[in-house]
Amino acid sequence: MSEPCPPHPEASQPFGAPHPSPAPHASPAPDSEAATRLARERNVWLCTSRANGTPHVTPVWFVHHLGRWWIGSDERAVKIRNIRRSPTVSLALEDGDHPLVAEGTTRVLTTPFPPEIVAAFREKYGWDVSASRPGAGARVLLEVRTVRWLLAGTAQ
């Protein structure tokens, strides 16, 4: 069983130097096929928990960089409220025949976002992850450190 990640520093703090490097408790992709899928696939299902304990599941765009998942969001989104209350999440790529499911702990970052993550979103989606939308509040970036991989391979 994996050792849990240590608590994150205050989630509302801007991401400072140095920029991301593999965390000692981050769990890298289970194999090269999984790493290829994480680079190629466009959507992941993010599951958070509401205050009453019920799940909130939503598809999101992501990049997987240096053993971490990165997800952009508006600060007023339900998933952000849920994560600020309880930072434990589950993530699942869309292909149910070849599941790739992870559990992790999340930290909510405010701007400025790490430049290499902004560039990775721009390269993968042609999109500026830091660009705000009218009436949606400020942009935030989720940094998810995988604690363990639950499924990687064939549906059970």
N, C-alpha and C. Protein backbone atom coordinates (compact mmCIF):
# COMPACT_ATOMS: atom_id res chain seq x y z
N MET A 1 0.85 -1.18 0.00
CA MET A 1 0.00 0.00 0.00
C MET A 1 0.89 1.24 0.00
N SER A 2 0.49 2.24 -0.78
CA SER A 2 1.27 3.46 -0.87
C SER A 2 1.14 4.29 0.39
N GLU A 3 2.19 4.98 0.71
CA GLU A 3 2.18 5.91 1.82
C GLU A 3 1.46 7.18 1.36
N PRO A 4 0.55 7.77 2.17
CA PRO A 4 -0.15 8.96 1.72
C PRO A 4 0.80 10.13 1.53
N CYS A 5 0.40 11.04 0.66
CA CYS A 5 1.19 12.25 0.44
C CYS A 5 1.15 13.11 1.68
N PRO A 6 2.20 13.84 1.94
CA PRO A 6 2.17 14.76 3.07
C PRO A 6 1.18 15.88 2.79
N PRO A 7 0.68 16.55 3.82
CA PRO A 7 -0.26 17.64 3.59
C PRO A 7 0.37 18.71 2.71
N HIS A 8 -0.47 19.31 1.88
CA HIS A 8 0.00 20.39 1.02
C HIS A 8 0.03 21.69 1.79
N PRO A 9 0.90 22.62 1.38
CA PRO A 9 0.88 23.94 1.99
C PRO A 9 -0.44 24.62 1.65
N GLU A 10 -0.70 25.76 2.24
CA GLU A 10 -1.94 26.49 2.01
C GLU A 10 -2.28 26.53 0.53
N ALA A 11 -3.46 26.07 0.19
CA ALA A 11 -3.86 25.88 -1.20
C ALA A 11 -4.04 27.19 -1.95
N SER A 12 -4.25 28.29 -1.28
CA SER A 12 -4.50 29.54 -2.00
C SER A 12 -3.23 30.30 -2.33
N GLN A 13 -2.10 29.77 -1.99
CA GLN A 13 -0.84 30.45 -2.26
C GLN A 13 -0.44 30.29 -3.72
N PRO A 14 0.13 31.32 -4.34
CA PRO A 14 0.61 31.16 -5.71
C PRO A 14 1.71 30.12 -5.76
N PHE A 15 1.84 29.51 -6.91
CA PHE A 15 2.88 28.51 -7.10
C PHE A 15 4.19 29.26 -7.27
N GLY A 16 5.16 28.98 -6.43
CA GLY A 16 6.42 29.70 -6.50
C GLY A 16 7.55 28.84 -7.00
N ALA A 17 8.68 29.42 -7.17
CA ALA A 17 9.87 28.70 -7.61
C ALA A 17 10.30 27.77 -6.48
N PRO A 18 10.91 26.66 -6.75
CA PRO A 18 11.17 26.15 -8.08
C PRO A 18 9.91 25.54 -8.67
N HIS A 19 9.91 25.39 -9.98
CA HIS A 19 8.76 24.84 -10.67
C HIS A 19 8.71 23.33 -10.45
N PRO A 20 7.63 22.69 -10.91
CA PRO A 20 7.38 21.30 -10.56
C PRO A 20 8.55 20.36 -10.80
N SER A 21 8.71 19.47 -9.86
CA SER A 21 9.66 18.37 -9.98
C SER A 21 8.98 17.17 -9.34
N PRO A 22 9.39 15.96 -9.69
CA PRO A 22 8.69 14.81 -9.14
C PRO A 22 8.70 14.82 -7.62
N ALA A 23 7.52 14.66 -7.03
CA ALA A 23 7.40 14.65 -5.58
C ALA A 23 7.81 13.27 -5.06
N PRO A 24 8.42 13.19 -3.90
CA PRO A 24 8.85 11.90 -3.39
C PRO A 24 7.69 10.94 -3.21
N HIS A 25 6.48 11.44 -2.97
CA HIS A 25 5.34 10.57 -2.76
C HIS A 25 4.44 10.49 -3.99
N ALA A 26 4.79 11.12 -5.10
CA ALA A 26 4.01 11.00 -6.32
C ALA A 26 4.29 9.64 -6.93
N SER A 27 3.25 9.07 -7.52
CA SER A 27 3.38 7.75 -8.12
C SER A 27 3.37 7.91 -9.64
N PRO A 28 4.46 7.57 -10.32
CA PRO A 28 4.51 7.73 -11.77
C PRO A 28 3.54 6.78 -12.46
N ALA A 29 3.28 7.02 -13.74
CA ALA A 29 2.41 6.14 -14.52
C ALA A 29 2.89 4.70 -14.36
N PRO A 30 1.96 3.75 -14.28
CA PRO A 30 2.35 2.36 -14.01
C PRO A 30 3.21 1.71 -15.09
N ASP A 31 3.11 2.13 -16.34
CA ASP A 31 3.94 1.55 -17.39
C ASP A 31 4.00 2.51 -18.58
N SER A 32 4.78 2.15 -19.60
CA SER A 32 4.95 3.05 -20.75
C SER A 32 3.66 3.22 -21.54
N GLU A 33 2.81 2.19 -21.61
CA GLU A 33 1.53 2.33 -22.31
C GLU A 33 0.65 3.34 -21.60
N ALA A 34 0.63 3.29 -20.27
CA ALA A 34 -0.15 4.26 -19.49
C ALA A 34 0.40 5.67 -19.70
N ALA A 35 1.71 5.81 -19.70
CA ALA A 35 2.32 7.13 -19.92
C ALA A 35 1.95 7.69 -21.29
N THR A 36 1.92 6.82 -22.31
CA THR A 36 1.53 7.24 -23.66
C THR A 36 0.08 7.70 -23.67
N ARG A 37 -0.79 6.95 -23.01
CA ARG A 37 -2.20 7.34 -22.96
C ARG A 37 -2.39 8.65 -22.22
N LEU A 38 -1.66 8.87 -21.14
CA LEU A 38 -1.77 10.11 -20.38
C LEU A 38 -1.35 11.31 -21.23
N ALA A 39 -0.40 11.11 -22.12
CA ALA A 39 0.04 12.19 -23.00
C ALA A 39 -0.95 12.42 -24.14
N ARG A 40 -1.59 11.35 -24.61
CA ARG A 40 -2.43 11.41 -25.80
C ARG A 40 -3.90 11.73 -25.50
N GLU A 41 -4.47 11.12 -24.50
CA GLU A 41 -5.91 11.26 -24.27
C GLU A 41 -6.27 12.66 -23.80
N ARG A 42 -7.44 13.10 -24.24
CA ARG A 42 -7.84 14.50 -24.02
C ARG A 42 -8.66 14.71 -22.75
N ASN A 43 -9.41 13.72 -22.32
CA ASN A 43 -10.32 13.91 -21.19
C ASN A 43 -10.06 12.90 -20.09
N VAL A 44 -10.29 13.33 -18.87
CA VAL A 44 -10.27 12.45 -17.72
C VAL A 44 -11.50 12.78 -16.88
N TRP A 45 -12.09 11.78 -16.26
CA TRP A 45 -13.20 11.99 -15.34
C TRP A 45 -12.61 12.27 -13.96
N LEU A 46 -12.99 13.40 -13.38
CA LEU A 46 -12.52 13.81 -12.06
C LEU A 46 -13.66 13.62 -11.08
N CYS A 47 -13.41 12.88 -10.00
CA CYS A 47 -14.42 12.64 -8.98
C CYS A 47 -13.98 13.29 -7.68
N THR A 48 -14.84 14.19 -7.18
CA THR A 48 -14.62 14.86 -5.89
C THR A 48 -15.81 14.49 -5.00
N SER A 49 -15.78 14.92 -3.74
CA SER A 49 -16.88 14.65 -2.80
C SER A 49 -17.52 15.93 -2.34
N ARG A 50 -18.85 15.97 -2.44
CA ARG A 50 -19.61 17.11 -1.93
C ARG A 50 -19.60 17.08 -0.40
N ALA A 51 -20.04 18.18 0.22
CA ALA A 51 -20.05 18.28 1.68
C ALA A 51 -20.89 17.17 2.32
N ASN A 52 -21.94 16.72 1.64
CA ASN A 52 -22.80 15.67 2.21
C ASN A 52 -22.26 14.27 1.90
N GLY A 53 -21.10 14.17 1.24
CA GLY A 53 -20.46 12.90 0.97
C GLY A 53 -20.79 12.29 -0.38
N THR A 54 -21.74 12.86 -1.11
CA THR A 54 -22.07 12.30 -2.42
C THR A 54 -21.00 12.69 -3.43
N PRO A 55 -20.77 11.81 -4.42
CA PRO A 55 -19.73 12.11 -5.41
C PRO A 55 -20.17 13.16 -6.42
N HIS A 56 -19.21 13.90 -6.90
CA HIS A 56 -19.39 14.85 -7.99
C HIS A 56 -18.38 14.45 -9.06
N VAL A 57 -18.88 14.02 -10.22
CA VAL A 57 -18.03 13.52 -11.29
C VAL A 57 -18.18 14.44 -12.50
N THR A 58 -17.03 14.83 -13.07
CA THR A 58 -17.07 15.73 -14.22
C THR A 58 -15.89 15.42 -15.16
N PRO A 59 -16.14 15.48 -16.48
CA PRO A 59 -15.02 15.32 -17.42
C PRO A 59 -14.23 16.62 -17.50
N VAL A 60 -12.92 16.53 -17.54
CA VAL A 60 -12.06 17.71 -17.61
C VAL A 60 -10.90 17.47 -18.55
N TRP A 61 -10.36 18.56 -19.08
CA TRP A 61 -9.10 18.50 -19.82
C TRP A 61 -7.97 18.45 -18.81
N PHE A 62 -6.86 17.84 -19.19
CA PHE A 62 -5.74 17.68 -18.26
C PHE A 62 -4.44 17.56 -19.03
N VAL A 63 -3.36 17.79 -18.32
CA VAL A 63 -2.04 17.36 -18.77
C VAL A 63 -1.44 16.57 -17.62
N HIS A 64 -0.62 15.60 -17.97
CA HIS A 64 0.09 14.80 -16.97
C HIS A 64 1.57 15.09 -17.19
N HIS A 65 2.18 15.73 -16.20
CA HIS A 65 3.55 16.22 -16.35
C HIS A 65 4.31 15.98 -15.06
N LEU A 66 5.48 15.36 -15.16
CA LEU A 66 6.35 15.09 -14.01
C LEU A 66 5.62 14.30 -12.92
N GLY A 67 4.80 13.33 -13.34
CA GLY A 67 4.12 12.48 -12.39
C GLY A 67 2.92 13.09 -11.71
N ARG A 68 2.45 14.23 -12.21
CA ARG A 68 1.30 14.91 -11.63
C ARG A 68 0.26 15.19 -12.70
N TRP A 69 -0.99 15.22 -12.28
CA TRP A 69 -2.09 15.64 -13.14
C TRP A 69 -2.28 17.14 -12.92
N TRP A 70 -2.56 17.87 -14.00
CA TRP A 70 -2.80 19.31 -13.93
C TRP A 70 -4.14 19.58 -14.63
N ILE A 71 -5.03 20.30 -13.95
CA ILE A 71 -6.38 20.55 -14.44
C ILE A 71 -6.72 22.01 -14.18
N GLY A 72 -7.16 22.72 -15.21
CA GLY A 72 -7.57 24.10 -15.06
C GLY A 72 -9.05 24.20 -14.73
N SER A 73 -9.45 25.24 -14.00
CA SER A 73 -10.85 25.42 -13.64
C SER A 73 -11.12 26.88 -13.28
N ASP A 74 -12.41 27.21 -13.26
CA ASP A 74 -12.84 28.48 -12.70
C ASP A 74 -12.92 28.31 -11.20
N GLU A 75 -12.55 29.33 -10.45
CA GLU A 75 -12.52 29.21 -8.99
C GLU A 75 -13.89 28.96 -8.37
N ARG A 76 -14.96 29.31 -9.07
CA ARG A 76 -16.31 29.15 -8.53
C ARG A 76 -16.93 27.79 -8.84
N ALA A 77 -16.21 26.90 -9.50
CA ALA A 77 -16.74 25.60 -9.88
C ALA A 77 -16.99 24.71 -8.65
N VAL A 78 -17.99 23.85 -8.76
CA VAL A 78 -18.32 22.91 -7.68
C VAL A 78 -17.10 22.08 -7.30
N LYS A 79 -16.36 21.61 -8.30
CA LYS A 79 -15.19 20.76 -8.00
C LYS A 79 -14.17 21.48 -7.14
N ILE A 80 -14.03 22.79 -7.32
CA ILE A 80 -13.07 23.56 -6.52
C ILE A 80 -13.57 23.68 -5.08
N ARG A 81 -14.84 23.97 -4.90
CA ARG A 81 -15.39 24.02 -3.53
C ARG A 81 -15.18 22.67 -2.84
N ASN A 82 -15.46 21.59 -3.56
CA ASN A 82 -15.30 20.26 -2.99
C ASN A 82 -13.85 19.98 -2.60
N ILE A 83 -12.93 20.31 -3.48
CA ILE A 83 -11.50 20.04 -3.24
C ILE A 83 -10.96 20.88 -2.10
N ARG A 84 -11.42 22.10 -1.98
CA ARG A 84 -10.95 22.94 -0.86
C ARG A 84 -11.39 22.35 0.48
N ARG A 85 -12.51 21.66 0.47
CA ARG A 85 -13.02 21.02 1.69
C ARG A 85 -12.34 19.66 1.92
N SER A 86 -12.15 18.91 0.82
CA SER A 86 -11.56 17.58 0.92
C SER A 86 -10.70 17.34 -0.32
N PRO A 87 -9.37 17.38 -0.20
CA PRO A 87 -8.49 17.34 -1.37
C PRO A 87 -8.28 15.97 -2.01
N THR A 88 -8.93 14.93 -1.51
CA THR A 88 -8.77 13.59 -2.08
C THR A 88 -9.69 13.45 -3.29
N VAL A 89 -9.13 12.97 -4.41
CA VAL A 89 -9.89 12.81 -5.65
C VAL A 89 -9.59 11.46 -6.28
N SER A 90 -10.45 11.08 -7.23
CA SER A 90 -10.20 9.95 -8.11
C SER A 90 -10.24 10.47 -9.53
N LEU A 91 -9.45 9.85 -10.41
CA LEU A 91 -9.40 10.23 -11.82
C LEU A 91 -9.47 8.96 -12.65
N ALA A 92 -10.21 9.02 -13.76
CA ALA A 92 -10.33 7.86 -14.64
C ALA A 92 -10.35 8.31 -16.09
N LEU A 93 -9.46 7.74 -16.90
CA LEU A 93 -9.51 8.01 -18.34
C LEU A 93 -10.80 7.41 -18.89
N GLU A 94 -11.25 7.92 -20.04
CA GLU A 94 -12.56 7.57 -20.56
C GLU A 94 -12.72 6.13 -21.04
N ASP A 95 -11.69 5.48 -21.47
CA ASP A 95 -11.80 4.16 -22.07
C ASP A 95 -12.07 3.09 -21.01
N GLY A 96 -13.32 2.65 -20.92
CA GLY A 96 -13.70 1.65 -19.93
C GLY A 96 -13.19 0.25 -20.23
N ASP A 97 -12.80 -0.02 -21.49
CA ASP A 97 -12.26 -1.33 -21.83
C ASP A 97 -10.80 -1.49 -21.41
N HIS A 98 -10.11 -0.37 -21.31
CA HIS A 98 -8.70 -0.36 -20.89
C HIS A 98 -8.56 0.71 -19.80
N PRO A 99 -9.06 0.41 -18.60
CA PRO A 99 -9.14 1.44 -17.57
C PRO A 99 -7.77 1.91 -17.08
N LEU A 100 -7.74 3.18 -16.76
CA LEU A 100 -6.59 3.78 -16.09
C LEU A 100 -7.20 4.69 -15.03
N VAL A 101 -7.15 4.26 -13.78
CA VAL A 101 -7.81 4.92 -12.67
C VAL A 101 -6.78 5.21 -11.59
N ALA A 102 -6.84 6.41 -11.04
CA ALA A 102 -5.89 6.82 -10.01
C ALA A 102 -6.61 7.51 -8.86
N GLU A 103 -6.00 7.45 -7.69
CA GLU A 103 -6.43 8.24 -6.55
C GLU A 103 -5.32 9.21 -6.23
N GLY A 104 -5.68 10.41 -5.78
CA GLY A 104 -4.65 11.38 -5.47
C GLY A 104 -5.10 12.44 -4.50
N THR A 105 -4.16 13.29 -4.14
CA THR A 105 -4.45 14.47 -3.32
C THR A 105 -4.18 15.70 -4.17
N THR A 106 -4.98 16.71 -3.92
CA THR A 106 -5.01 17.88 -4.79
C THR A 106 -4.67 19.15 -4.03
N ARG A 107 -4.04 20.04 -4.75
CA ARG A 107 -3.76 21.38 -4.23
C ARG A 107 -4.27 22.36 -5.28
N VAL A 108 -4.93 23.43 -4.84
CA VAL A 108 -5.47 24.45 -5.73
C VAL A 108 -4.47 25.60 -5.80
N LEU A 109 -3.98 25.88 -7.01
CA LEU A 109 -2.99 26.94 -7.21
C LEU A 109 -3.65 28.15 -7.87
N THR A 110 -3.24 29.31 -7.42
CA THR A 110 -3.68 30.55 -8.05
C THR A 110 -2.58 31.04 -8.98
N THR A 111 -2.88 32.06 -9.76
CA THR A 111 -1.89 32.58 -10.70
C THR A 111 -0.76 33.27 -9.93
N PRO A 112 0.41 33.31 -10.51
CA PRO A 112 0.75 32.84 -11.84
C PRO A 112 0.94 31.32 -11.86
N PHE A 113 0.49 30.70 -12.95
CA PHE A 113 0.65 29.25 -13.11
C PHE A 113 2.06 28.95 -13.61
N PRO A 114 2.56 27.75 -13.33
CA PRO A 114 3.89 27.38 -13.85
C PRO A 114 3.90 27.48 -15.38
N PRO A 115 4.86 28.21 -15.96
CA PRO A 115 4.88 28.41 -17.41
C PRO A 115 4.90 27.11 -18.21
N GLU A 116 5.60 26.08 -17.72
CA GLU A 116 5.66 24.83 -18.48
C GLU A 116 4.31 24.12 -18.52
N ILE A 117 3.46 24.35 -17.52
CA ILE A 117 2.12 23.75 -17.51
C ILE A 117 1.21 24.51 -18.47
N VAL A 118 1.29 25.83 -18.46
CA VAL A 118 0.52 26.65 -19.42
C VAL A 118 0.90 26.24 -20.84
N ALA A 119 2.20 26.08 -21.09
CA ALA A 119 2.68 25.67 -22.43
C ALA A 119 2.18 24.28 -22.79
N ALA A 120 2.13 23.37 -21.83
CA ALA A 120 1.67 22.01 -22.10
C ALA A 120 0.18 21.99 -22.47
N PHE A 121 -0.63 22.81 -21.81
CA PHE A 121 -2.05 22.92 -22.19
C PHE A 121 -2.19 23.52 -23.58
N ARG A 122 -1.39 24.55 -23.86
CA ARG A 122 -1.46 25.19 -25.17
C ARG A 122 -1.08 24.19 -26.27
N GLU A 123 -0.05 23.39 -26.03
CA GLU A 123 0.38 22.40 -27.02
C GLU A 123 -0.67 21.30 -27.22
N LYS A 124 -1.24 20.81 -26.14
CA LYS A 124 -2.18 19.70 -26.22
C LYS A 124 -3.55 20.12 -26.74
N TYR A 125 -4.04 21.29 -26.34
CA TYR A 125 -5.41 21.70 -26.66
C TYR A 125 -5.52 22.98 -27.49
N GLY A 126 -4.39 23.71 -27.69
CA GLY A 126 -4.48 25.01 -28.35
C GLY A 126 -5.26 26.00 -27.51
N TRP A 127 -5.09 25.92 -26.19
CA TRP A 127 -5.91 26.67 -25.23
C TRP A 127 -5.05 27.24 -24.13
N ASP A 128 -5.40 28.46 -23.70
CA ASP A 128 -4.69 29.11 -22.59
C ASP A 128 -5.41 28.78 -21.29
N VAL A 129 -4.88 27.87 -20.51
CA VAL A 129 -5.49 27.42 -19.27
C VAL A 129 -5.65 28.55 -18.26
N SER A 130 -4.89 29.61 -18.42
CA SER A 130 -4.95 30.72 -17.45
C SER A 130 -5.96 31.80 -17.83
N ALA A 131 -6.56 31.72 -19.03
CA ALA A 131 -7.49 32.76 -19.50
C ALA A 131 -8.83 32.67 -18.77
N SER A 132 -9.23 33.77 -18.15
CA SER A 132 -10.49 33.78 -17.41
C SER A 132 -11.68 33.98 -18.36
N ARG A 133 -12.84 33.56 -17.88
CA ARG A 133 -14.09 33.73 -18.62
C ARG A 133 -14.94 34.75 -17.88
N PRO A 134 -15.67 35.60 -18.59
CA PRO A 134 -16.51 36.61 -17.92
C PRO A 134 -17.49 35.96 -16.93
N GLY A 135 -17.53 36.48 -15.72
CA GLY A 135 -18.46 36.02 -14.70
C GLY A 135 -18.11 34.70 -14.03
N ALA A 136 -16.99 34.10 -14.39
CA ALA A 136 -16.64 32.78 -13.85
C ALA A 136 -15.65 32.86 -12.69
N GLY A 137 -15.19 34.06 -12.38
CA GLY A 137 -14.18 34.18 -11.33
C GLY A 137 -12.79 33.94 -11.89
N ALA A 138 -11.83 33.99 -11.01
CA ALA A 138 -10.44 33.80 -11.41
C ALA A 138 -10.19 32.35 -11.82
N ARG A 139 -9.15 32.15 -12.58
CA ARG A 139 -8.74 30.79 -12.96
C ARG A 139 -7.88 30.21 -11.85
N VAL A 140 -8.02 28.92 -11.64
CA VAL A 140 -7.16 28.18 -10.71
C VAL A 140 -6.64 26.95 -11.45
N LEU A 141 -5.59 26.40 -10.92
CA LEU A 141 -4.98 25.21 -11.49
C LEU A 141 -4.92 24.15 -10.40
N LEU A 142 -5.42 22.96 -10.72
CA LEU A 142 -5.34 21.85 -9.79
C LEU A 142 -4.06 21.07 -10.05
N GLU A 143 -3.34 20.79 -9.01
CA GLU A 143 -2.16 19.92 -9.07
C GLU A 143 -2.52 18.66 -8.28
N VAL A 144 -2.62 17.54 -8.98
CA VAL A 144 -3.01 16.29 -8.33
C VAL A 144 -1.81 15.35 -8.30
N ARG A 145 -1.44 14.95 -7.12
CA ARG A 145 -0.35 13.98 -6.95
C ARG A 145 -0.98 12.61 -6.77
N THR A 146 -0.65 11.69 -7.66
CA THR A 146 -1.20 10.34 -7.57
C THR A 146 -0.64 9.64 -6.34
N VAL A 147 -1.54 9.12 -5.52
CA VAL A 147 -1.15 8.35 -4.35
C VAL A 147 -1.06 6.88 -4.73
N ARG A 148 -2.03 6.42 -5.56
CA ARG A 148 -1.97 5.05 -6.05
C ARG A 148 -2.81 4.89 -7.31
N TRP A 149 -2.41 3.93 -8.11
CA TRP A 149 -3.13 3.55 -9.32
C TRP A 149 -4.01 2.37 -8.95
N LEU A 150 -5.31 2.46 -9.26
CA LEU A 150 -6.23 1.39 -8.90
C LEU A 150 -6.38 0.36 -10.01
N LEU A 151 -6.50 0.82 -11.23
CA LEU A 151 -6.64 -0.08 -12.37
C LEU A 151 -5.75 0.45 -13.49
N ALA A 152 -5.08 -0.43 -14.14
CA ALA A 152 -4.29 -0.06 -15.30
C ALA A 152 -4.23 -1.28 -16.21
N GLY A 153 -5.08 -1.27 -17.24
CA GLY A 153 -5.04 -2.40 -18.16
C GLY A 153 -6.39 -2.86 -18.63
N THR A 154 -6.86 -4.00 -18.15
CA THR A 154 -8.06 -4.64 -18.65
C THR A 154 -9.21 -4.47 -17.67
N ALA A 155 -10.40 -4.20 -18.21
CA ALA A 155 -11.58 -4.07 -17.36
C ALA A 155 -11.80 -5.37 -16.59
N GLN A 156 -12.27 -5.25 -15.36
CA GLN A 156 -12.49 -6.43 -14.51
C GLN A 156 -13.96 -6.68 -14.31
